[in-house]
Amino acid sequence: MSRVSRLIFSCQNMARLLSDAMDRTLPLHVRLRMRVHLIMCTLCERYKRQLTLLRNVLRTDAAQLRDDGPAQSPRLSTEVKERIRRTLDSHRP
């Protein structure tokens, strides 16, 4: 295995690390290796953008799904909110 290939994360590792990076601050050397990988891999860069978008949408709409949220959501109908609420409730431990 070459030195360069040992420095670059695999896409599988990147998927896990991108998720981890949303929950906690990763060490500098890991963040740098991730940045190198993202420069070279358009698929992982796209995956990172998708994760960020999903996180932002969920943060924005989370209050609207709660019972104490606004009565009307400009994005989700009452029927859709109820269906999501039932699905989330069925997956809770």
PDB file of N, CA and C in Angstrom:
ATOM      1  N   MET A   1       0.846  -1.171   0.000  1.00  0.00           N
ATOM      2  CA  MET A   1       0.000   0.000   0.000  1.00  0.00           C
ATOM      3  C   MET A   1       0.898   1.242   0.000  1.00  0.00           C
ATOM      4  N   SER A   2       0.636   2.174  -0.881  1.00  0.00           N
ATOM      5  CA  SER A   2       1.473   3.365  -0.975  1.00  0.00           C
ATOM      6  C   SER A   2       1.177   4.329   0.173  1.00  0.00           C
ATOM      7  N   ARG A   3       2.096   5.237   0.385  1.00  0.00           N
ATOM      8  CA  ARG A   3       1.914   6.233   1.448  1.00  0.00           C
ATOM      9  C   ARG A   3       0.682   7.082   1.208  1.00  0.00           C
ATOM     10  N   VAL A   4       0.460   7.470  -0.020  1.00  0.00           N
ATOM     11  CA  VAL A   4      -0.690   8.319  -0.341  1.00  0.00           C
ATOM     12  C   VAL A   4      -1.993   7.586  -0.052  1.00  0.00           C
ATOM     13  N   SER A   5      -2.092   6.339  -0.451  1.00  0.00           N
ATOM     14  CA  SER A   5      -3.333   5.600  -0.228  1.00  0.00           C
ATOM     15  C   SER A   5      -3.614   5.382   1.258  1.00  0.00           C
ATOM     16  N   ARG A   6      -2.582   5.351   2.068  1.00  0.00           N
ATOM     17  CA  ARG A   6      -2.774   5.224   3.516  1.00  0.00           C
ATOM     18  C   ARG A   6      -3.268   6.527   4.134  1.00  0.00           C
ATOM     19  N   LEU A   7      -3.016   7.644   3.474  1.00  0.00           N
ATOM     20  CA  LEU A   7      -3.438   8.946   3.991  1.00  0.00           C
ATOM     21  C   LEU A   7      -4.881   9.282   3.629  1.00  0.00           C
ATOM     22  N   ILE A   8      -5.395   8.641   2.609  1.00  0.00           N
ATOM     23  CA  ILE A   8      -6.733   8.978   2.115  1.00  0.00           C
ATOM     24  C   ILE A   8      -7.741   7.976   2.656  1.00  0.00           C
ATOM     25  N   PHE A   9      -8.819   8.494   3.241  1.00  0.00           N
ATOM     26  CA  PHE A   9      -9.885   7.628   3.740  1.00  0.00           C
ATOM     27  C   PHE A   9     -10.632   6.977   2.588  1.00  0.00           C
ATOM     28  N   SER A  10     -11.181   5.811   2.836  1.00  0.00           N
ATOM     29  CA  SER A  10     -12.070   5.184   1.853  1.00  0.00           C
ATOM     30  C   SER A  10     -13.419   5.903   1.908  1.00  0.00           C
ATOM     31  N   CYS A  11     -14.211   5.732   0.877  1.00  0.00           N
ATOM     32  CA  CYS A  11     -15.545   6.346   0.860  1.00  0.00           C
ATOM     33  C   CYS A  11     -16.410   5.788   1.995  1.00  0.00           C
ATOM     34  N   GLN A  12     -16.238   4.529   2.312  1.00  0.00           N
ATOM     35  CA  GLN A  12     -16.996   3.921   3.409  1.00  0.00           C
ATOM     36  C   GLN A  12     -16.639   4.601   4.738  1.00  0.00           C
ATOM     37  N   ASN A  13     -15.352   4.831   4.972  1.00  0.00           N
ATOM     38  CA  ASN A  13     -14.938   5.547   6.180  1.00  0.00           C
ATOM     39  C   ASN A  13     -15.444   6.983   6.172  1.00  0.00           C
ATOM     40  N   MET A  14     -15.432   7.593   5.009  1.00  0.00           N
ATOM     41  CA  MET A  14     -15.893   8.977   4.901  1.00  0.00           C
ATOM     42  C   MET A  14     -17.366   9.095   5.279  1.00  0.00           C
ATOM     43  N   ALA A  15     -18.180   8.159   4.860  1.00  0.00           N
ATOM     44  CA  ALA A  15     -19.615   8.217   5.185  1.00  0.00           C
ATOM     45  C   ALA A  15     -19.800   8.237   6.701  1.00  0.00           C
ATOM     46  N   ARG A  16     -19.077   7.393   7.393  1.00  0.00           N
ATOM     47  CA  ARG A  16     -19.169   7.356   8.858  1.00  0.00           C
ATOM     48  C   ARG A  16     -18.623   8.634   9.476  1.00  0.00           C
ATOM     49  N   LEU A  17     -17.488   9.095   8.978  1.00  0.00           N
ATOM     50  CA  LEU A  17     -16.865  10.287   9.537  1.00  0.00           C
ATOM     51  C   LEU A  17     -17.686  11.547   9.279  1.00  0.00           C
ATOM     52  N   LEU A  18     -18.309  11.643   8.126  1.00  0.00           N
ATOM     53  CA  LEU A  18     -19.152  12.803   7.842  1.00  0.00           C
ATOM     54  C   LEU A  18     -20.316  12.870   8.819  1.00  0.00           C
ATOM     55  N   SER A  19     -20.873  11.723   9.117  1.00  0.00           N
ATOM     56  CA  SER A  19     -21.950  11.675  10.101  1.00  0.00           C
ATOM     57  C   SER A  19     -21.429  12.030  11.495  1.00  0.00           C
ATOM     58  N   ASP A  20     -20.296  11.461  11.871  1.00  0.00           N
ATOM     59  CA  ASP A  20     -19.688  11.758  13.175  1.00  0.00           C
ATOM     60  C   ASP A  20     -19.375  13.243  13.318  1.00  0.00           C
ATOM     61  N   ALA A  21     -18.911  13.857  12.243  1.00  0.00           N
ATOM     62  CA  ALA A  21     -18.520  15.267  12.282  1.00  0.00           C
ATOM     63  C   ALA A  21     -19.704  16.182  12.557  1.00  0.00           C
ATOM     64  N   MET A  22     -20.904  15.700  12.299  1.00  0.00           N
ATOM     65  CA  MET A  22     -22.092  16.510  12.583  1.00  0.00           C
ATOM     66  C   MET A  22     -22.441  16.491  14.069  1.00  0.00           C
ATOM     67  N   ASP A  23     -21.942  15.497  14.790  1.00  0.00           N
ATOM     68  CA  ASP A  23     -22.263  15.346  16.207  1.00  0.00           C
ATOM     69  C   ASP A  23     -21.157  15.810  17.141  1.00  0.00           C
ATOM     70  N   ARG A  24     -19.933  15.833  16.623  1.00  0.00           N
ATOM     71  CA  ARG A  24     -18.808  16.206  17.486  1.00  0.00           C
ATOM     72  C   ARG A  24     -17.671  16.746  16.622  1.00  0.00           C
ATOM     73  N   THR A  25     -16.748  17.441  17.269  1.00  0.00           N
ATOM     74  CA  THR A  25     -15.576  17.968  16.576  1.00  0.00           C
ATOM     75  C   THR A  25     -14.528  16.867  16.482  1.00  0.00           C
ATOM     76  N   LEU A  26     -14.132  16.569  15.271  1.00  0.00           N
ATOM     77  CA  LEU A  26     -13.122  15.537  15.045  1.00  0.00           C
ATOM     78  C   LEU A  26     -11.725  16.137  15.183  1.00  0.00           C
ATOM     79  N   PRO A  27     -10.733  15.309  15.462  1.00  0.00           N
ATOM     80  CA  PRO A  27      -9.356  15.815  15.568  1.00  0.00           C
ATOM     81  C   PRO A  27      -8.906  16.473  14.257  1.00  0.00           C
ATOM     82  N   LEU A  28      -8.019  17.427  14.384  1.00  0.00           N
ATOM     83  CA  LEU A  28      -7.550  18.191  13.231  1.00  0.00           C
ATOM     84  C   LEU A  28      -6.997  17.292  12.128  1.00  0.00           C
ATOM     85  N   HIS A  29      -6.182  16.303  12.475  1.00  0.00           N
ATOM     86  CA  HIS A  29      -5.591  15.450  11.436  1.00  0.00           C
ATOM     87  C   HIS A  29      -6.671  14.662  10.685  1.00  0.00           C
ATOM     88  N   VAL A  30      -7.740  14.303  11.350  1.00  0.00           N
ATOM     89  CA  VAL A  30      -8.847  13.597  10.683  1.00  0.00           C
ATOM     90  C   VAL A  30      -9.589  14.558   9.755  1.00  0.00           C
ATOM     91  N   ARG A  31      -9.844  15.770  10.239  1.00  0.00           N
ATOM     92  CA  ARG A  31     -10.539  16.768   9.402  1.00  0.00           C
ATOM     93  C   ARG A  31      -9.734  17.099   8.154  1.00  0.00           C
ATOM     94  N   LEU A  32      -8.403  17.166   8.293  1.00  0.00           N
ATOM     95  CA  LEU A  32      -7.560  17.456   7.131  1.00  0.00           C
ATOM     96  C   LEU A  32      -7.611  16.312   6.114  1.00  0.00           C
ATOM     97  N   ARG A  33      -7.544  15.082   6.602  1.00  0.00           N
ATOM     98  CA  ARG A  33      -7.630  13.927   5.696  1.00  0.00           C
ATOM     99  C   ARG A  33      -9.001  13.883   5.021  1.00  0.00           C
ATOM    100  N   MET A  34     -10.034  14.242   5.756  1.00  0.00           N
ATOM    101  CA  MET A  34     -11.372  14.279   5.164  1.00  0.00           C
ATOM    102  C   MET A  34     -11.437  15.332   4.057  1.00  0.00           C
ATOM    103  N   ARG A  35     -10.844  16.487   4.333  1.00  0.00           N
ATOM    104  CA  ARG A  35     -10.860  17.564   3.339  1.00  0.00           C
ATOM    105  C   ARG A  35     -10.158  17.131   2.050  1.00  0.00           C
ATOM    106  N   VAL A  36      -9.027  16.447   2.188  1.00  0.00           N
ATOM    107  CA  VAL A  36      -8.311  15.949   1.004  1.00  0.00           C
ATOM    108  C   VAL A  36      -9.206  14.987   0.221  1.00  0.00           C
ATOM    109  N   HIS A  37      -9.866  14.086   0.931  1.00  0.00           N
ATOM    110  CA  HIS A  37     -10.741  13.124   0.268  1.00  0.00           C
ATOM    111  C   HIS A  37     -11.872  13.851  -0.461  1.00  0.00           C
ATOM    112  N   LEU A  38     -12.466  14.843   0.189  1.00  0.00           N
ATOM    113  CA  LEU A  38     -13.591  15.564  -0.417  1.00  0.00           C
ATOM    114  C   LEU A  38     -13.168  16.351  -1.653  1.00  0.00           C
ATOM    115  N   ILE A  39     -11.940  16.823  -1.674  1.00  0.00           N
ATOM    116  CA  ILE A  39     -11.429  17.527  -2.858  1.00  0.00           C
ATOM    117  C   ILE A  39     -11.352  16.562  -4.037  1.00  0.00           C
ATOM    118  N   MET A  40     -10.984  15.320  -3.752  1.00  0.00           N
ATOM    119  CA  MET A  40     -10.774  14.332  -4.816  1.00  0.00           C
ATOM    120  C   MET A  40     -12.032  13.545  -5.180  1.00  0.00           C
ATOM    121  N   CYS A  41     -13.002  13.463  -4.293  1.00  0.00           N
ATOM    122  CA  CYS A  41     -14.145  12.572  -4.503  1.00  0.00           C
ATOM    123  C   CYS A  41     -15.446  13.362  -4.566  1.00  0.00           C
ATOM    124  N   THR A  42     -15.980  13.512  -5.754  1.00  0.00           N
ATOM    125  CA  THR A  42     -17.213  14.288  -5.919  1.00  0.00           C
ATOM    126  C   THR A  42     -18.417  13.581  -5.297  1.00  0.00           C
ATOM    127  N   LEU A  43     -18.404  12.260  -5.254  1.00  0.00           N
ATOM    128  CA  LEU A  43     -19.538  11.540  -4.662  1.00  0.00           C
ATOM    129  C   LEU A  43     -19.629  11.776  -3.156  1.00  0.00           C
ATOM    130  N   CYS A  44     -18.504  11.758  -2.483  1.00  0.00           N
ATOM    131  CA  CYS A  44     -18.507  12.030  -1.042  1.00  0.00           C
ATOM    132  C   CYS A  44     -18.839  13.490  -0.763  1.00  0.00           C
ATOM    133  N   GLU A  45     -18.383  14.385  -1.616  1.00  0.00           N
ATOM    134  CA  GLU A  45     -18.731  15.802  -1.464  1.00  0.00           C
ATOM    135  C   GLU A  45     -20.249  15.979  -1.610  1.00  0.00           C
ATOM    136  N   ARG A  46     -20.828  15.293  -2.565  1.00  0.00           N
ATOM    137  CA  ARG A  46     -22.278  15.350  -2.755  1.00  0.00           C
ATOM    138  C   ARG A  46     -23.001  14.762  -1.541  1.00  0.00           C
ATOM    139  N   TYR A  47     -22.497  13.661  -1.020  1.00  0.00           N
ATOM    140  CA  TYR A  47     -23.089  13.036   0.162  1.00  0.00           C
ATOM    141  C   TYR A  47     -23.031  13.993   1.357  1.00  0.00           C
ATOM    142  N   LYS A  48     -21.911  14.691   1.508  1.00  0.00           N
ATOM    143  CA  LYS A  48     -21.781  15.668   2.587  1.00  0.00           C
ATOM    144  C   LYS A  48     -22.833  16.771   2.441  1.00  0.00           C
ATOM    145  N   ARG A  49     -23.027  17.269   1.232  1.00  0.00           N
ATOM    146  CA  ARG A  49     -24.035  18.312   1.006  1.00  0.00           C
ATOM    147  C   ARG A  49     -25.438  17.790   1.315  1.00  0.00           C
ATOM    148  N   GLN A  50     -25.711  16.532   0.945  1.00  0.00           N
ATOM    149  CA  GLN A  50     -27.014  15.946   1.232  1.00  0.00           C
ATOM    150  C   GLN A  50     -27.245  15.810   2.732  1.00  0.00           C
ATOM    151  N   LEU A  51     -26.247  15.346   3.470  1.00  0.00           N
ATOM    152  CA  LEU A  51     -26.365  15.239   4.928  1.00  0.00           C
ATOM    153  C   LEU A  51     -26.626  16.606   5.553  1.00  0.00           C
ATOM    154  N   THR A  52     -25.901  17.606   5.084  1.00  0.00           N
ATOM    155  CA  THR A  52     -26.072  18.958   5.612  1.00  0.00           C
ATOM    156  C   THR A  52     -27.470  19.481   5.318  1.00  0.00           C
ATOM    157  N   LEU A  53     -27.945  19.250   4.109  1.00  0.00           N
ATOM    158  CA  LEU A  53     -29.291  19.684   3.744  1.00  0.00           C
ATOM    159  C   LEU A  53     -30.341  18.998   4.609  1.00  0.00           C
ATOM    160  N   LEU A  54     -30.225  17.692   4.764  1.00  0.00           N
ATOM    161  CA  LEU A  54     -31.180  16.955   5.596  1.00  0.00           C
ATOM    162  C   LEU A  54     -31.171  17.456   7.036  1.00  0.00           C
ATOM    163  N   ARG A  55     -30.003  17.670   7.566  1.00  0.00           N
ATOM    164  CA  ARG A  55     -29.906  18.164   8.940  1.00  0.00           C
ATOM    165  C   ARG A  55     -30.570  19.521   9.077  1.00  0.00           C
ATOM    166  N   ASN A  56     -30.321  20.417   8.127  1.00  0.00           N
ATOM    167  CA  ASN A  56     -30.913  21.752   8.183  1.00  0.00           C
ATOM    168  C   ASN A  56     -32.435  21.709   8.043  1.00  0.00           C
ATOM    169  N   VAL A  57     -32.924  20.878   7.148  1.00  0.00           N
ATOM    170  CA  VAL A  57     -34.378  20.753   6.965  1.00  0.00           C
ATOM    171  C   VAL A  57     -35.020  20.183   8.218  1.00  0.00           C
ATOM    172  N   LEU A  58     -34.412  19.150   8.785  1.00  0.00           N
ATOM    173  CA  LEU A  58     -34.979  18.548   9.991  1.00  0.00           C
ATOM    174  C   LEU A  58     -34.960  19.518  11.158  1.00  0.00           C
ATOM    175  N   ARG A  59     -33.931  20.293  11.282  1.00  0.00           N
ATOM    176  CA  ARG A  59     -33.881  21.292  12.356  1.00  0.00           C
ATOM    177  C   ARG A  59     -34.961  22.347  12.161  1.00  0.00           C
ATOM    178  N   THR A  60     -35.162  22.774  10.928  1.00  0.00           N
ATOM    179  CA  THR A  60     -36.139  23.813  10.634  1.00  0.00           C
ATOM    180  C   THR A  60     -37.562  23.311  10.850  1.00  0.00           C
ATOM    181  N   ASP A  61     -37.838  22.088  10.391  1.00  0.00           N
ATOM    182  CA  ASP A  61     -39.201  21.569  10.436  1.00  0.00           C
ATOM    183  C   ASP A  61     -39.538  20.805  11.707  1.00  0.00           C
ATOM    184  N   ALA A  62     -38.574  20.551  12.565  1.00  0.00           N
ATOM    185  CA  ALA A  62     -38.834  19.765  13.770  1.00  0.00           C
ATOM    186  C   ALA A  62     -39.886  20.423  14.651  1.00  0.00           C
ATOM    187  N   ALA A  63     -39.817  21.722  14.817  1.00  0.00           N
ATOM    188  CA  ALA A  63     -40.795  22.422  15.653  1.00  0.00           C
ATOM    189  C   ALA A  63     -42.188  22.331  15.050  1.00  0.00           C
ATOM    190  N   GLN A  64     -42.275  22.285  13.742  1.00  0.00           N
ATOM    191  CA  GLN A  64     -43.568  22.221  13.076  1.00  0.00           C
ATOM    192  C   GLN A  64     -44.218  20.857  13.219  1.00  0.00           C
ATOM    193  N   LEU A  65     -43.437  19.815  13.500  1.00  0.00           N
ATOM    194  CA  LEU A  65     -43.976  18.473  13.671  1.00  0.00           C
ATOM    195  C   LEU A  65     -44.453  18.226  15.102  1.00  0.00           C
ATOM    196  N   ARG A  66     -43.978  19.028  16.045  1.00  0.00           N
ATOM    197  CA  ARG A  66     -44.378  18.858  17.438  1.00  0.00           C
ATOM    198  C   ARG A  66     -45.805  19.359  17.630  1.00  0.00           C
ATOM    199  N   ASP A  67     -46.438  18.861  18.659  1.00  0.00           N
ATOM    200  CA  ASP A  67     -47.800  19.286  18.968  1.00  0.00           C
ATOM    201  C   ASP A  67     -47.881  20.768  19.277  1.00  0.00           C
ATOM    202  N   ASP A  68     -46.809  21.324  19.858  1.00  0.00           N
ATOM    203  CA  ASP A  68     -46.832  22.740  20.218  1.00  0.00           C
ATOM    204  C   ASP A  68     -46.371  23.644  19.078  1.00  0.00           C
ATOM    205  N   GLY A  69     -46.103  23.063  17.914  1.00  0.00           N
ATOM    206  CA  GLY A  69     -45.671  23.838  16.759  1.00  0.00           C
ATOM    207  C   GLY A  69     -46.836  24.586  16.136  1.00  0.00           C
ATOM    208  N   PRO A  70     -46.583  25.372  15.117  1.00  0.00           N
ATOM    209  CA  PRO A  70     -47.636  26.120  14.449  1.00  0.00           C
ATOM    210  C   PRO A  70     -48.716  25.196  13.895  1.00  0.00           C
ATOM    211  N   ALA A  71     -49.922  25.670  13.853  1.00  0.00           N
ATOM    212  CA  ALA A  71     -51.043  24.866  13.371  1.00  0.00           C
ATOM    213  C   ALA A  71     -50.899  24.539  11.894  1.00  0.00           C
ATOM    214  N   GLN A  72     -50.359  25.448  11.134  1.00  0.00           N
ATOM    215  CA  GLN A  72     -50.188  25.204   9.709  1.00  0.00           C
ATOM    216  C   GLN A  72     -48.729  25.369   9.326  1.00  0.00           C
ATOM    217  N   SER A  73     -48.268  24.451   8.544  1.00  0.00           N
ATOM    218  CA  SER A  73     -46.909  24.521   8.045  1.00  0.00           C
ATOM    219  C   SER A  73     -46.951  24.895   6.578  1.00  0.00           C
ATOM    220  N   PRO A  74     -46.119  25.808   6.146  1.00  0.00           N
ATOM    221  CA  PRO A  74     -46.128  26.161   4.730  1.00  0.00           C
ATOM    222  C   PRO A  74     -45.608  25.034   3.847  1.00  0.00           C
ATOM    223  N   ARG A  75     -44.929  24.035   4.437  1.00  0.00           N
ATOM    224  CA  ARG A  75     -44.337  22.976   3.632  1.00  0.00           C
ATOM    225  C   ARG A  75     -45.062  21.643   3.763  1.00  0.00           C
ATOM    226  N   LEU A  76     -45.626  21.360   4.932  1.00  0.00           N
ATOM    227  CA  LEU A  76     -46.211  20.047   5.173  1.00  0.00           C
ATOM    228  C   LEU A  76     -47.688  20.179   5.531  1.00  0.00           C
ATOM    229  N   SER A  77     -48.492  19.353   4.903  1.00  0.00           N
ATOM    230  CA  SER A  77     -49.910  19.343   5.249  1.00  0.00           C
ATOM    231  C   SER A  77     -50.104  18.639   6.586  1.00  0.00           C
ATOM    232  N   THR A  78     -51.249  18.837   7.194  1.00  0.00           N
ATOM    233  CA  THR A  78     -51.571  18.193   8.463  1.00  0.00           C
ATOM    234  C   THR A  78     -51.528  16.681   8.322  1.00  0.00           C
ATOM    235  N   GLU A  79     -52.027  16.173   7.219  1.00  0.00           N
ATOM    236  CA  GLU A  79     -52.034  14.728   6.964  1.00  0.00           C
ATOM    237  C   GLU A  79     -50.611  14.175   6.909  1.00  0.00           C
ATOM    238  N   VAL A  80     -49.727  14.863   6.229  1.00  0.00           N
ATOM    239  CA  VAL A  80     -48.339  14.412   6.106  1.00  0.00           C
ATOM    240  C   VAL A  80     -47.643  14.470   7.464  1.00  0.00           C
ATOM    241  N   LYS A  81     -47.864  15.545   8.217  1.00  0.00           N
ATOM    242  CA  LYS A  81     -47.258  15.650   9.549  1.00  0.00           C
ATOM    243  C   LYS A  81     -47.718  14.514  10.448  1.00  0.00           C
ATOM    244  N   GLU A  82     -48.997  14.167  10.378  1.00  0.00           N
ATOM    245  CA  GLU A  82     -49.517  13.081  11.202  1.00  0.00           C
ATOM    246  C   GLU A  82     -48.906  11.744  10.787  1.00  0.00           C
ATOM    247  N   ARG A  83     -48.755  11.527   9.499  1.00  0.00           N
ATOM    248  CA  ARG A  83     -48.153  10.287   9.002  1.00  0.00           C
ATOM    249  C   ARG A  83     -46.695  10.178   9.457  1.00  0.00           C
ATOM    250  N   ILE A  84     -45.957  11.267   9.407  1.00  0.00           N
ATOM    251  CA  ILE A  84     -44.568  11.280   9.878  1.00  0.00           C
ATOM    252  C   ILE A  84     -44.524  11.022  11.371  1.00  0.00           C
ATOM    253  N   ARG A  85     -45.413  11.677  12.112  1.00  0.00           N
ATOM    254  CA  ARG A  85     -45.452  11.499  13.569  1.00  0.00           C
ATOM    255  C   ARG A  85     -45.719  10.042  13.928  1.00  0.00           C
ATOM    256  N   ARG A  86     -46.665   9.396  13.238  1.00  0.00           N
ATOM    257  CA  ARG A  86     -46.969   7.984  13.502  1.00  0.00           C
ATOM    258  C   ARG A  86     -45.767   7.097  13.186  1.00  0.00           C
ATOM    259  N   THR A  87     -45.101   7.370  12.087  1.00  0.00           N
ATOM    260  CA  THR A  87     -43.930   6.581  11.695  1.00  0.00           C
ATOM    261  C   THR A  87     -42.818   6.725  12.727  1.00  0.00           C
ATOM    262  N   LEU A  88     -42.549   7.962  13.157  1.00  0.00           N
ATOM    263  CA  LEU A  88     -41.517   8.171  14.166  1.00  0.00           C
ATOM    264  C   LEU A  88     -41.875   7.488  15.472  1.00  0.00           C
ATOM    265  N   ASP A  89     -43.138   7.563  15.875  1.00  0.00           N
ATOM    266  CA  ASP A  89     -43.569   6.924  17.113  1.00  0.00           C
ATOM    267  C   ASP A  89     -43.415   5.403  17.041  1.00  0.00           C
ATOM    268  N   SER A  90     -43.657   4.820  15.878  1.00  0.00           N
ATOM    269  CA  SER A  90     -43.554   3.374  15.745  1.00  0.00           C
ATOM    270  C   SER A  90     -42.110   2.883  15.792  1.00  0.00           C
ATOM    271  N   HIS A  91     -41.149   3.767  15.562  1.00  0.00           N
ATOM    272  CA  HIS A  91     -39.734   3.392  15.565  1.00  0.00           C
ATOM    273  C   HIS A  91     -39.033   3.728  16.872  1.00  0.00           C
ATOM    274  N   ARG A  92     -39.744   4.309  17.806  1.00  0.00           N
ATOM    275  CA  ARG A  92     -39.130   4.631  19.102  1.00  0.00           C
ATOM    276  C   ARG A  92     -39.081   3.402  19.977  1.00  0.00           C
ATOM    277  N   PRO A  93     -37.981   3.292  20.741  1.00  0.00           N
ATOM    278  CA  PRO A  93     -37.840   2.103  21.622  1.00  0.00           C
ATOM    279  C   PRO A  93     -38.818   2.124  22.772  1.00  0.00           C
TER     280      PRO A  93
END
